[in-house]
PDB file of N, CA and C in Angstrom:
ATOM      1  N   MET A   1       0.311  15.351   3.197  1.00  0.00           N
ATOM      2  CA  MET A   1       1.605  14.261   3.005  1.00  0.00           C
ATOM      3  C   MET A   1       2.500  14.619   1.904  1.00  0.00           C
ATOM      4  N   ALA A   2       3.396  14.151   2.228  1.00  0.00           N
ATOM      5  CA  ALA A   2       4.895  14.311   1.221  1.00  0.00           C
ATOM      6  C   ALA A   2       4.379  13.415  -0.133  1.00  0.00           C
ATOM      7  N   THR A   3       5.078  13.767  -1.009  1.00  0.00           N
ATOM      8  CA  THR A   3       4.539  13.011  -2.327  1.00  0.00           C
ATOM      9  C   THR A   3       5.221  11.648  -1.979  1.00  0.00           C
ATOM     10  N   ILE A   4       5.159  10.708  -2.693  1.00  0.00           N
ATOM     11  CA  ILE A   4       5.382   9.294  -2.611  1.00  0.00           C
ATOM     12  C   ILE A   4       6.118   8.898  -3.827  1.00  0.00           C
ATOM     13  N   LYS A   5       7.513   8.566  -3.410  1.00  0.00           N
ATOM     14  CA  LYS A   5       9.096   7.789  -4.335  1.00  0.00           C
ATOM     15  C   LYS A   5       8.503   6.433  -4.647  1.00  0.00           C
ATOM     16  N   ASN A   6       8.491   5.955  -5.817  1.00  0.00           N
ATOM     17  CA  ASN A   6       8.795   4.447  -6.110  1.00  0.00           C
ATOM     18  C   ASN A   6       9.923   4.339  -6.062  1.00  0.00           C
ATOM     19  N   ASN A   7      10.730   3.384  -4.735  1.00  0.00           N
ATOM     20  CA  ASN A   7      11.906   3.270  -4.999  1.00  0.00           C
ATOM     21  C   ASN A   7      12.141   1.472  -5.294  1.00  0.00           C
ATOM     22  N   GLU A   8      12.383   1.902  -6.647  1.00  0.00           N
ATOM     23  CA  GLU A   8      12.567   0.445  -7.367  1.00  0.00           C
ATOM     24  C   GLU A   8      13.467  -0.484  -7.389  1.00  0.00           C
ATOM     25  N   LEU A   9      14.875  -0.105  -6.777  1.00  0.00           N
ATOM     26  CA  LEU A   9      16.174  -0.744  -6.569  1.00  0.00           C
ATOM     27  C   LEU A   9      15.524  -1.811  -4.953  1.00  0.00           C
ATOM     28  N   LEU A  10      15.032  -0.873  -3.942  1.00  0.00           N
ATOM     29  CA  LEU A  10      14.541  -1.691  -2.962  1.00  0.00           C
ATOM     30  C   LEU A  10      12.936  -2.082  -2.862  1.00  0.00           C
ATOM     31  N   ARG A  11      12.341  -1.822  -4.132  1.00  0.00           N
ATOM     32  CA  ARG A  11      11.067  -2.379  -4.277  1.00  0.00           C
ATOM     33  C   ARG A  11      10.047  -1.931  -3.270  1.00  0.00           C
ATOM     34  N   GLN A  12      10.280  -0.575  -3.129  1.00  0.00           N
ATOM     35  CA  GLN A  12       9.139  -0.126  -1.760  1.00  0.00           C
ATOM     36  C   GLN A  12       8.828   1.328  -2.249  1.00  0.00           C
ATOM     37  N   PHE A  13       7.191   1.929  -1.888  1.00  0.00           N
ATOM     38  CA  PHE A  13       7.071   2.956  -2.183  1.00  0.00           C
ATOM     39  C   PHE A  13       7.681   3.530  -0.554  1.00  0.00           C
ATOM     40  N   GLU A  14       7.908   4.966  -0.528  1.00  0.00           N
ATOM     41  CA  GLU A  14       8.306   5.567   0.365  1.00  0.00           C
ATOM     42  C   GLU A  14       7.413   7.315   0.465  1.00  0.00           C
ATOM     43  N   THR A  15       7.587   7.803   1.612  1.00  0.00           N
ATOM     44  CA  THR A  15       7.256   8.762   2.135  1.00  0.00           C
ATOM     45  C   THR A  15       7.758   9.345   3.294  1.00  0.00           C
ATOM     46  N   THR A  16       7.757  10.652   3.501  1.00  0.00           N
ATOM     47  CA  THR A  16       8.258  11.113   4.813  1.00  0.00           C
ATOM     48  C   THR A  16       7.222  11.661   5.541  1.00  0.00           C
ATOM     49  N   THR A  17       7.045  11.557   7.028  1.00  0.00           N
ATOM     50  CA  THR A  17       6.341  12.019   7.609  1.00  0.00           C
ATOM     51  C   THR A  17       6.876  12.882   8.899  1.00  0.00           C
ATOM     52  N   ASP A  18       6.215  13.552   9.541  1.00  0.00           N
ATOM     53  CA  ASP A  18       6.806  14.422  10.737  1.00  0.00           C
ATOM     54  C   ASP A  18       7.520  13.472  11.656  1.00  0.00           C
ATOM     55  N   ASN A  19       6.596  11.880  11.564  1.00  0.00           N
ATOM     56  CA  ASN A  19       7.877  11.054  12.603  1.00  0.00           C
ATOM     57  C   ASN A  19       8.648  10.498  12.135  1.00  0.00           C
ATOM     58  N   GLY A  20       8.738  10.451  10.720  1.00  0.00           N
ATOM     59  CA  GLY A  20       9.853   9.418   9.887  1.00  0.00           C
ATOM     60  C   GLY A  20       9.603   9.006   8.757  1.00  0.00           C
ATOM     61  N   LEU A  21       9.755   7.801   8.398  1.00  0.00           N
ATOM     62  CA  LEU A  21       9.867   7.824   6.826  1.00  0.00           C
ATOM     63  C   LEU A  21       8.651   6.116   6.825  1.00  0.00           C
ATOM     64  N   LEU A  22       7.727   6.523   5.957  1.00  0.00           N
ATOM     65  CA  LEU A  22       6.766   5.027   6.044  1.00  0.00           C
ATOM     66  C   LEU A  22       7.318   4.656   4.582  1.00  0.00           C
ATOM     67  N   THR A  23       7.289   3.051   4.636  1.00  0.00           N
ATOM     68  CA  THR A  23       7.407   2.349   3.302  1.00  0.00           C
ATOM     69  C   THR A  23       6.340   1.099   3.245  1.00  0.00           C
ATOM     70  N   ILE A  24       6.102   0.936   2.183  1.00  0.00           N
ATOM     71  CA  ILE A  24       5.412  -0.446   1.837  1.00  0.00           C
ATOM     72  C   ILE A  24       6.111  -0.894   0.833  1.00  0.00           C
ATOM     73  N   GLU A  25       6.578  -2.491   1.250  1.00  0.00           N
ATOM     74  CA  GLU A  25       7.624  -3.110   0.324  1.00  0.00           C
ATOM     75  C   GLU A  25       6.546  -4.227  -0.770  1.00  0.00           C
ATOM     76  N   TYR A  26       7.424  -3.779  -1.617  1.00  0.00           N
ATOM     77  CA  TYR A  26       5.973  -4.914  -2.515  1.00  0.00           C
ATOM     78  C   TYR A  26       6.847  -5.727  -3.680  1.00  0.00           C
ATOM     79  N   ALA A  27       5.876  -6.808  -4.040  1.00  0.00           N
ATOM     80  CA  ALA A  27       6.668  -7.487  -5.616  1.00  0.00           C
ATOM     81  C   ALA A  27       5.446  -7.540  -6.879  1.00  0.00           C
ATOM     82  N   VAL A  28       6.284  -7.463  -8.047  1.00  0.00           N
ATOM     83  CA  VAL A  28       5.080  -7.267  -9.048  1.00  0.00           C
ATOM     84  C   VAL A  28       5.206  -8.764  -9.734  1.00  0.00           C
ATOM     85  N   GLN A  29       3.996  -9.295  -9.917  1.00  0.00           N
ATOM     86  CA  GLN A  29       4.107 -10.697 -11.048  1.00  0.00           C
ATOM     87  C   GLN A  29       2.837 -10.246 -11.714  1.00  0.00           C
ATOM     88  N   GLU A  30       3.255 -10.316 -13.101  1.00  0.00           N
ATOM     89  CA  GLU A  30       2.012 -11.147 -14.086  1.00  0.00           C
ATOM     90  C   GLU A  30       0.551  -9.873 -13.639  1.00  0.00           C
ATOM     91  N   ARG A  31       1.158  -8.397 -13.800  1.00  0.00           N
ATOM     92  CA  ARG A  31       0.013  -7.212 -13.769  1.00  0.00           C
ATOM     93  C   ARG A  31      -0.424  -7.361 -12.131  1.00  0.00           C
ATOM     94  N   LYS A  32       0.317  -8.156 -11.399  1.00  0.00           N
ATOM     95  CA  LYS A  32      -0.196  -7.877  -9.797  1.00  0.00           C
ATOM     96  C   LYS A  32       0.783  -7.741  -9.182  1.00  0.00           C
ATOM     97  N   ILE A  33       0.580  -6.885  -8.150  1.00  0.00           N
ATOM     98  CA  ILE A  33       0.990  -6.046  -6.906  1.00  0.00           C
ATOM     99  C   ILE A  33       1.052  -6.893  -5.682  1.00  0.00           C
ATOM    100  N   PHE A  34       2.010  -7.302  -5.256  1.00  0.00           N
ATOM    101  CA  PHE A  34       1.486  -8.263  -3.791  1.00  0.00           C
ATOM    102  C   PHE A  34       2.560  -6.981  -2.658  1.00  0.00           C
ATOM    103  N   LEU A  35       1.704  -6.391  -1.923  1.00  0.00           N
ATOM    104  CA  LEU A  35       2.063  -5.700  -0.864  1.00  0.00           C
ATOM    105  C   LEU A  35       2.190  -6.371   0.444  1.00  0.00           C
ATOM    106  N   THR A  36       3.675  -6.456   0.497  1.00  0.00           N
ATOM    107  CA  THR A  36       4.209  -7.654   1.488  1.00  0.00           C
ATOM    108  C   THR A  36       4.150  -6.864   2.852  1.00  0.00           C
ATOM    109  N   LYS A  37       4.940  -5.750   3.401  1.00  0.00           N
ATOM    110  CA  LYS A  37       5.040  -5.243   4.477  1.00  0.00           C
ATOM    111  C   LYS A  37       4.806  -3.740   4.429  1.00  0.00           C
ATOM    112  N   LEU A  38       4.280  -3.724   5.623  1.00  0.00           N
ATOM    113  CA  LEU A  38       4.176  -2.006   6.012  1.00  0.00           C
ATOM    114  C   LEU A  38       4.945  -1.589   7.038  1.00  0.00           C
ATOM    115  N   CYS A  39       6.052  -0.762   7.155  1.00  0.00           N
ATOM    116  CA  CYS A  39       6.857  -0.068   7.800  1.00  0.00           C
ATOM    117  C   CYS A  39       6.524   1.336   8.196  1.00  0.00           C
ATOM    118  N   ALA A  40       6.194   1.638   9.401  1.00  0.00           N
ATOM    119  CA  ALA A  40       6.125   3.028  10.194  1.00  0.00           C
ATOM    120  C   ALA A  40       6.742   2.872  11.301  1.00  0.00           C
ATOM    121  N   VAL A  41       6.944   4.058  11.941  1.00  0.00           N
ATOM    122  CA  VAL A  41       7.454   4.578  13.695  1.00  0.00           C
ATOM    123  C   VAL A  41       6.109   3.834  14.075  1.00  0.00           C
ATOM    124  N   GLU A  42       6.466   3.803  15.462  1.00  0.00           N
ATOM    125  CA  GLU A  42       5.150   3.114  16.732  1.00  0.00           C
ATOM    126  C   GLU A  42       4.146   4.398  16.476  1.00  0.00           C
ATOM    127  N   ASN A  43       4.598   5.494  16.805  1.00  0.00           N
ATOM    128  CA  ASN A  43       3.716   6.750  16.888  1.00  0.00           C
ATOM    129  C   ASN A  43       3.019   7.395  15.597  1.00  0.00           C
ATOM    130  N   GLU A  44       3.426   6.689  14.817  1.00  0.00           N
ATOM    131  CA  GLU A  44       2.787   7.335  13.705  1.00  0.00           C
ATOM    132  C   GLU A  44       1.177   7.316  13.541  1.00  0.00           C
ATOM    133  N   ALA A  45       0.299   8.234  13.254  1.00  0.00           N
ATOM    134  CA  ALA A  45      -0.548   8.984  13.213  1.00  0.00           C
ATOM    135  C   ALA A  45      -1.459   7.612  12.499  1.00  0.00           C
ATOM    136  N   GLU A  46      -2.427   7.624  12.684  1.00  0.00           N
ATOM    137  CA  GLU A  46      -3.170   6.614  12.085  1.00  0.00           C
ATOM    138  C   GLU A  46      -3.759   6.822  10.728  1.00  0.00           C
ATOM    139  N   GLU A  47      -4.244   8.224  10.758  1.00  0.00           N
ATOM    140  CA  GLU A  47      -4.462   8.959   9.363  1.00  0.00           C
ATOM    141  C   GLU A  47      -3.353   9.099   8.591  1.00  0.00           C
ATOM    142  N   ASN A  48      -2.251   8.715   8.749  1.00  0.00           N
ATOM    143  CA  ASN A  48      -0.892   9.598   7.964  1.00  0.00           C
ATOM    144  C   ASN A  48      -1.240   7.937   7.332  1.00  0.00           C
ATOM    145  N   VAL A  49      -0.799   7.080   7.893  1.00  0.00           N
ATOM    146  CA  VAL A  49      -0.571   5.256   7.180  1.00  0.00           C
ATOM    147  C   VAL A  49      -1.518   5.223   6.515  1.00  0.00           C
ATOM    148  N   ASP A  50      -2.684   5.470   6.835  1.00  0.00           N
ATOM    149  CA  ASP A  50      -4.053   4.952   5.659  1.00  0.00           C
ATOM    150  C   ASP A  50      -3.910   5.860   4.615  1.00  0.00           C
ATOM    151  N   GLY A  51      -3.759   7.377   4.756  1.00  0.00           N
ATOM    152  CA  GLY A  51      -3.314   7.999   3.541  1.00  0.00           C
ATOM    153  C   GLY A  51      -2.348   7.970   2.733  1.00  0.00           C
ATOM    154  N   PHE A  52      -1.178   7.181   3.500  1.00  0.00           N
ATOM    155  CA  PHE A  52      -0.126   6.566   2.492  1.00  0.00           C
ATOM    156  C   PHE A  52      -0.789   5.358   1.426  1.00  0.00           C
ATOM    157  N   ILE A  53      -1.428   4.472   2.457  1.00  0.00           N
ATOM    158  CA  ILE A  53      -1.809   2.970   1.732  1.00  0.00           C
ATOM    159  C   ILE A  53      -2.906   3.631   0.451  1.00  0.00           C
ATOM    160  N   LYS A  54      -3.890   4.657   0.614  1.00  0.00           N
ATOM    161  CA  LYS A  54      -4.723   4.418  -0.009  1.00  0.00           C
ATOM    162  C   LYS A  54      -4.066   5.361  -1.208  1.00  0.00           C
ATOM    163  N   GLU A  55      -2.908   6.634  -1.653  1.00  0.00           N
ATOM    164  CA  GLU A  55      -2.108   6.647  -2.526  1.00  0.00           C
ATOM    165  C   GLU A  55      -1.330   5.834  -3.243  1.00  0.00           C
ATOM    166  N   VAL A  56      -0.931   4.665  -2.185  1.00  0.00           N
ATOM    167  CA  VAL A  56      -0.546   3.662  -3.154  1.00  0.00           C
ATOM    168  C   VAL A  56      -1.079   3.142  -3.693  1.00  0.00           C
ATOM    169  N   LEU A  57      -2.342   2.975  -3.404  1.00  0.00           N
ATOM    170  CA  LEU A  57      -3.603   2.017  -4.010  1.00  0.00           C
ATOM    171  C   LEU A  57      -3.919   2.472  -5.538  1.00  0.00           C
ATOM    172  N   GLU A  58      -3.905   3.760  -5.287  1.00  0.00           N
ATOM    173  CA  GLU A  58      -4.333   4.938  -6.520  1.00  0.00           C
ATOM    174  C   GLU A  58      -3.061   4.437  -7.639  1.00  0.00           C
ATOM    175  N   ILE A  59      -2.000   4.503  -7.105  1.00  0.00           N
ATOM    176  CA  ILE A  59      -0.798   4.004  -7.804  1.00  0.00           C
ATOM    177  C   ILE A  59      -0.878   2.913  -8.748  1.00  0.00           C
ATOM    178  N   ALA A  60      -0.798   1.651  -7.548  1.00  0.00           N
ATOM    179  CA  ALA A  60      -1.486   0.339  -8.254  1.00  0.00           C
ATOM    180  C   ALA A  60      -2.594   0.849  -9.874  1.00  0.00           C
ATOM    181  N   GLN A  61      -3.646   1.661  -9.012  1.00  0.00           N
ATOM    182  CA  GLN A  61      -4.917   1.972  -9.847  1.00  0.00           C
ATOM    183  C   GLN A  61      -4.537   1.822 -11.277  1.00  0.00           C
ATOM    184  N   GLU A  62      -3.844   3.253 -11.075  1.00  0.00           N
ATOM    185  CA  GLU A  62      -3.139   4.001 -12.236  1.00  0.00           C
ATOM    186  C   GLU A  62      -2.456   3.102 -13.185  1.00  0.00           C
ATOM    187  N   LYS A  63      -1.692   2.090 -12.634  1.00  0.00           N
ATOM    188  CA  LYS A  63      -0.924   1.273 -13.273  1.00  0.00           C
ATOM    189  C   LYS A  63      -1.625   0.070 -14.091  1.00  0.00           C
ATOM    190  N   LYS A  64      -2.775  -0.163 -13.386  1.00  0.00           N
ATOM    191  CA  LYS A  64      -3.763  -1.177 -14.375  1.00  0.00           C
ATOM    192  C   LYS A  64      -3.224  -2.592 -13.542  1.00  0.00           C
ATOM    193  N   TYR A  65      -2.621  -2.635 -12.187  1.00  0.00           N
ATOM    194  CA  TYR A  65      -2.339  -3.815 -11.391  1.00  0.00           C
ATOM    195  C   TYR A  65      -3.413  -4.047 -10.480  1.00  0.00           C
ATOM    196  N   LYS A  66      -3.629  -5.396 -10.242  1.00  0.00           N
ATOM    197  CA  LYS A  66      -4.300  -6.566  -9.340  1.00  0.00           C
ATOM    198  C   LYS A  66      -3.851  -6.057  -8.011  1.00  0.00           C
ATOM    199  N   VAL A  67      -4.197  -5.615  -6.713  1.00  0.00           N
ATOM    200  CA  VAL A  67      -3.484  -5.659  -5.458  1.00  0.00           C
ATOM    201  C   VAL A  67      -3.633  -7.043  -5.013  1.00  0.00           C
ATOM    202  N   VAL A  68      -2.713  -7.681  -4.272  1.00  0.00           N
ATOM    203  CA  VAL A  68      -2.731  -8.865  -3.485  1.00  0.00           C
ATOM    204  C   VAL A  68      -1.946  -8.306  -2.066  1.00  0.00           C
ATOM    205  N   PRO A  69      -2.594  -8.129  -1.023  1.00  0.00           N
ATOM    206  CA  PRO A  69      -2.295  -7.272   0.129  1.00  0.00           C
ATOM    207  C   PRO A  69      -1.841  -8.679   1.195  1.00  0.00           C
ATOM    208  N   THR A  70      -1.095  -8.889   1.421  1.00  0.00           N
ATOM    209  CA  THR A  70      -0.083  -9.901   2.653  1.00  0.00           C
ATOM    210  C   THR A  70       0.021  -9.672   3.755  1.00  0.00           C
ATOM    211  N   ASN A  71      -0.252  -8.069   3.867  1.00  0.00           N
ATOM    212  CA  ASN A  71       0.526  -7.361   5.539  1.00  0.00           C
ATOM    213  C   ASN A  71      -1.002  -7.202   5.798  1.00  0.00           C
ATOM    214  N   THR A  72      -1.364  -7.781   7.115  1.00  0.00           N
ATOM    215  CA  THR A  72      -2.104  -7.596   7.926  1.00  0.00           C
ATOM    216  C   THR A  72      -3.194  -6.160   7.801  1.00  0.00           C
ATOM    217  N   LYS A  73      -2.193  -5.502   8.275  1.00  0.00           N
ATOM    218  CA  LYS A  73      -2.849  -3.624   8.177  1.00  0.00           C
ATOM    219  C   LYS A  73      -3.295  -3.244   6.891  1.00  0.00           C
ATOM    220  N   ILE A  74      -2.464  -3.758   5.702  1.00  0.00           N
ATOM    221  CA  ILE A  74      -3.271  -3.442   4.542  1.00  0.00           C
ATOM    222  C   ILE A  74      -4.737  -4.159   4.189  1.00  0.00           C
ATOM    223  N   VAL A  75      -4.447  -5.497   4.593  1.00  0.00           N
ATOM    224  CA  VAL A  75      -5.577  -6.221   4.891  1.00  0.00           C
ATOM    225  C   VAL A  75      -7.050  -5.632   5.493  1.00  0.00           C
ATOM    226  N   SER A  76      -6.420  -5.197   6.605  1.00  0.00           N
ATOM    227  CA  SER A  76      -8.029  -4.680   7.618  1.00  0.00           C
ATOM    228  C   SER A  76      -8.104  -3.262   6.728  1.00  0.00           C
ATOM    229  N   PHE A  77      -7.069  -2.672   6.285  1.00  0.00           N
ATOM    230  CA  PHE A  77      -7.557  -0.982   5.698  1.00  0.00           C
ATOM    231  C   PHE A  77      -8.535  -1.467   4.192  1.00  0.00           C
ATOM    232  N   PHE A  78      -8.225  -2.799   3.505  1.00  0.00           N
ATOM    233  CA  PHE A  78      -9.236  -2.910   2.469  1.00  0.00           C
ATOM    234  C   PHE A  78     -10.576  -3.209   3.546  1.00  0.00           C
ATOM    235  N   ARG A  79     -10.498  -4.137   4.248  1.00  0.00           N
ATOM    236  CA  ARG A  79     -11.712  -4.357   4.957  1.00  0.00           C
ATOM    237  C   ARG A  79     -12.626  -3.004   5.249  1.00  0.00           C
ATOM    238  N   LYS A  80     -12.097  -1.983   5.662  1.00  0.00           N
ATOM    239  CA  LYS A  80     -12.580  -0.651   6.205  1.00  0.00           C
ATOM    240  C   LYS A  80     -12.952   0.158   4.650  1.00  0.00           C
ATOM    241  N   ASN A  81     -12.213   0.139   4.065  1.00  0.00           N
ATOM    242  CA  ASN A  81     -12.616   0.549   2.379  1.00  0.00           C
ATOM    243  C   ASN A  81     -12.907   0.074   1.400  1.00  0.00           C
ATOM    244  N   LYS A  82     -14.575  -0.268   1.105  1.00  0.00           N
ATOM    245  CA  LYS A  82     -14.656  -0.895   0.322  1.00  0.00           C
ATOM    246  C   LYS A  82     -14.915  -0.835  -1.144  1.00  0.00           C
ATOM    247  N   SER A  83     -14.418   0.805  -1.252  1.00  0.00           N
ATOM    248  CA  SER A  83     -14.257   1.594  -2.408  1.00  0.00           C
ATOM    249  C   SER A  83     -13.228   0.765  -3.421  1.00  0.00           C
ATOM    250  N   PHE A  84     -11.979   0.206  -2.163  1.00  0.00           N
ATOM    251  CA  PHE A  84     -10.735  -0.376  -3.170  1.00  0.00           C
ATOM    252  C   PHE A  84     -11.103  -1.681  -3.790  1.00  0.00           C
ATOM    253  N   LYS A  85     -12.127  -2.798  -3.069  1.00  0.00           N
ATOM    254  CA  LYS A  85     -12.236  -3.869  -3.378  1.00  0.00           C
ATOM    255  C   LYS A  85     -12.091  -4.582  -4.820  1.00  0.00           C
ATOM    256  N   ASP A  86     -12.472  -3.831  -5.558  1.00  0.00           N
ATOM    257  CA  ASP A  86     -12.236  -4.235  -7.170  1.00  0.00           C
ATOM    258  C   ASP A  86     -10.916  -4.062  -7.548  1.00  0.00           C
ATOM    259  N   LEU A  87     -10.051  -3.676  -6.739  1.00  0.00           N
ATOM    260  CA  LEU A  87      -8.271  -3.768  -7.174  1.00  0.00           C
ATOM    261  C   LEU A  87      -8.185  -5.385  -6.877  1.00  0.00           C
ATOM    262  N   LEU A  88      -9.061  -5.724  -6.048  1.00  0.00           N
ATOM    263  CA  LEU A  88      -8.667  -7.449  -5.551  1.00  0.00           C
ATOM    264  C   LEU A  88      -8.643  -8.404  -6.558  1.00  0.00           C
ATOM    265  N   PRO A  89      -7.888  -9.057  -6.987  1.00  0.00           N
ATOM    266  CA  PRO A  89      -7.820 -10.195  -8.155  1.00  0.00           C
ATOM    267  C   PRO A  89      -9.047 -10.948  -7.799  1.00  0.00           C
ATOM    268  N   PRO A  90      -9.460 -11.785  -8.694  1.00  0.00           N
ATOM    269  CA  PRO A  90     -10.641 -12.592  -8.902  1.00  0.00           C
ATOM    270  C   PRO A  90     -10.460 -14.034  -7.737  1.00  0.00           C
ATOM    271  N   GLY A  91     -11.225 -14.457  -7.171  1.00  0.00           N
ATOM    272  CA  GLY A  91     -10.974 -15.455  -6.338  1.00  0.00           C
ATOM    273  C   GLY A  91     -10.559 -14.612  -4.861  1.00  0.00           C
ATOM    274  N   ILE A  92      -9.747 -13.572  -4.513  1.00  0.00           N
ATOM    275  CA  ILE A  92      -9.045 -13.080  -3.374  1.00  0.00           C
ATOM    276  C   ILE A  92     -10.566 -12.357  -2.713  1.00  0.00           C
ATOM    277  N   LYS A  93     -10.904 -12.850  -1.511  1.00  0.00           N
ATOM    278  CA  LYS A  93     -11.806 -12.536  -0.427  1.00  0.00           C
ATOM    279  C   LYS A  93     -11.427 -11.801   0.831  1.00  0.00           C
ATOM    280  N   ILE A  94     -11.703 -10.699   0.965  1.00  0.00           N
ATOM    281  CA  ILE A  94     -11.388  -9.844   2.236  1.00  0.00           C
ATOM    282  C   ILE A  94     -12.471  -9.619   3.001  1.00  0.00           C
TER     283      ILE A  94
END
């Protein structure tokens, strides 16, 4: 996967794949990052989307943010990948 760009002006993480642009929109509040929207082309490979989400979560982990996923695809990623559960703030169960 290509490198991830943090487009602070649009408040989104971006990367390009062979099929097009992948983005995750976010909002940051008090050491929490809310992942609000995932945009991908219809025929994007599942492993590309999951890899992108994983890299964004690693960025959040490096910055010591707690992650609040509000997008259904990102919530289902958390359900499948229990290793990222420690990024959730206290009280949020997925």
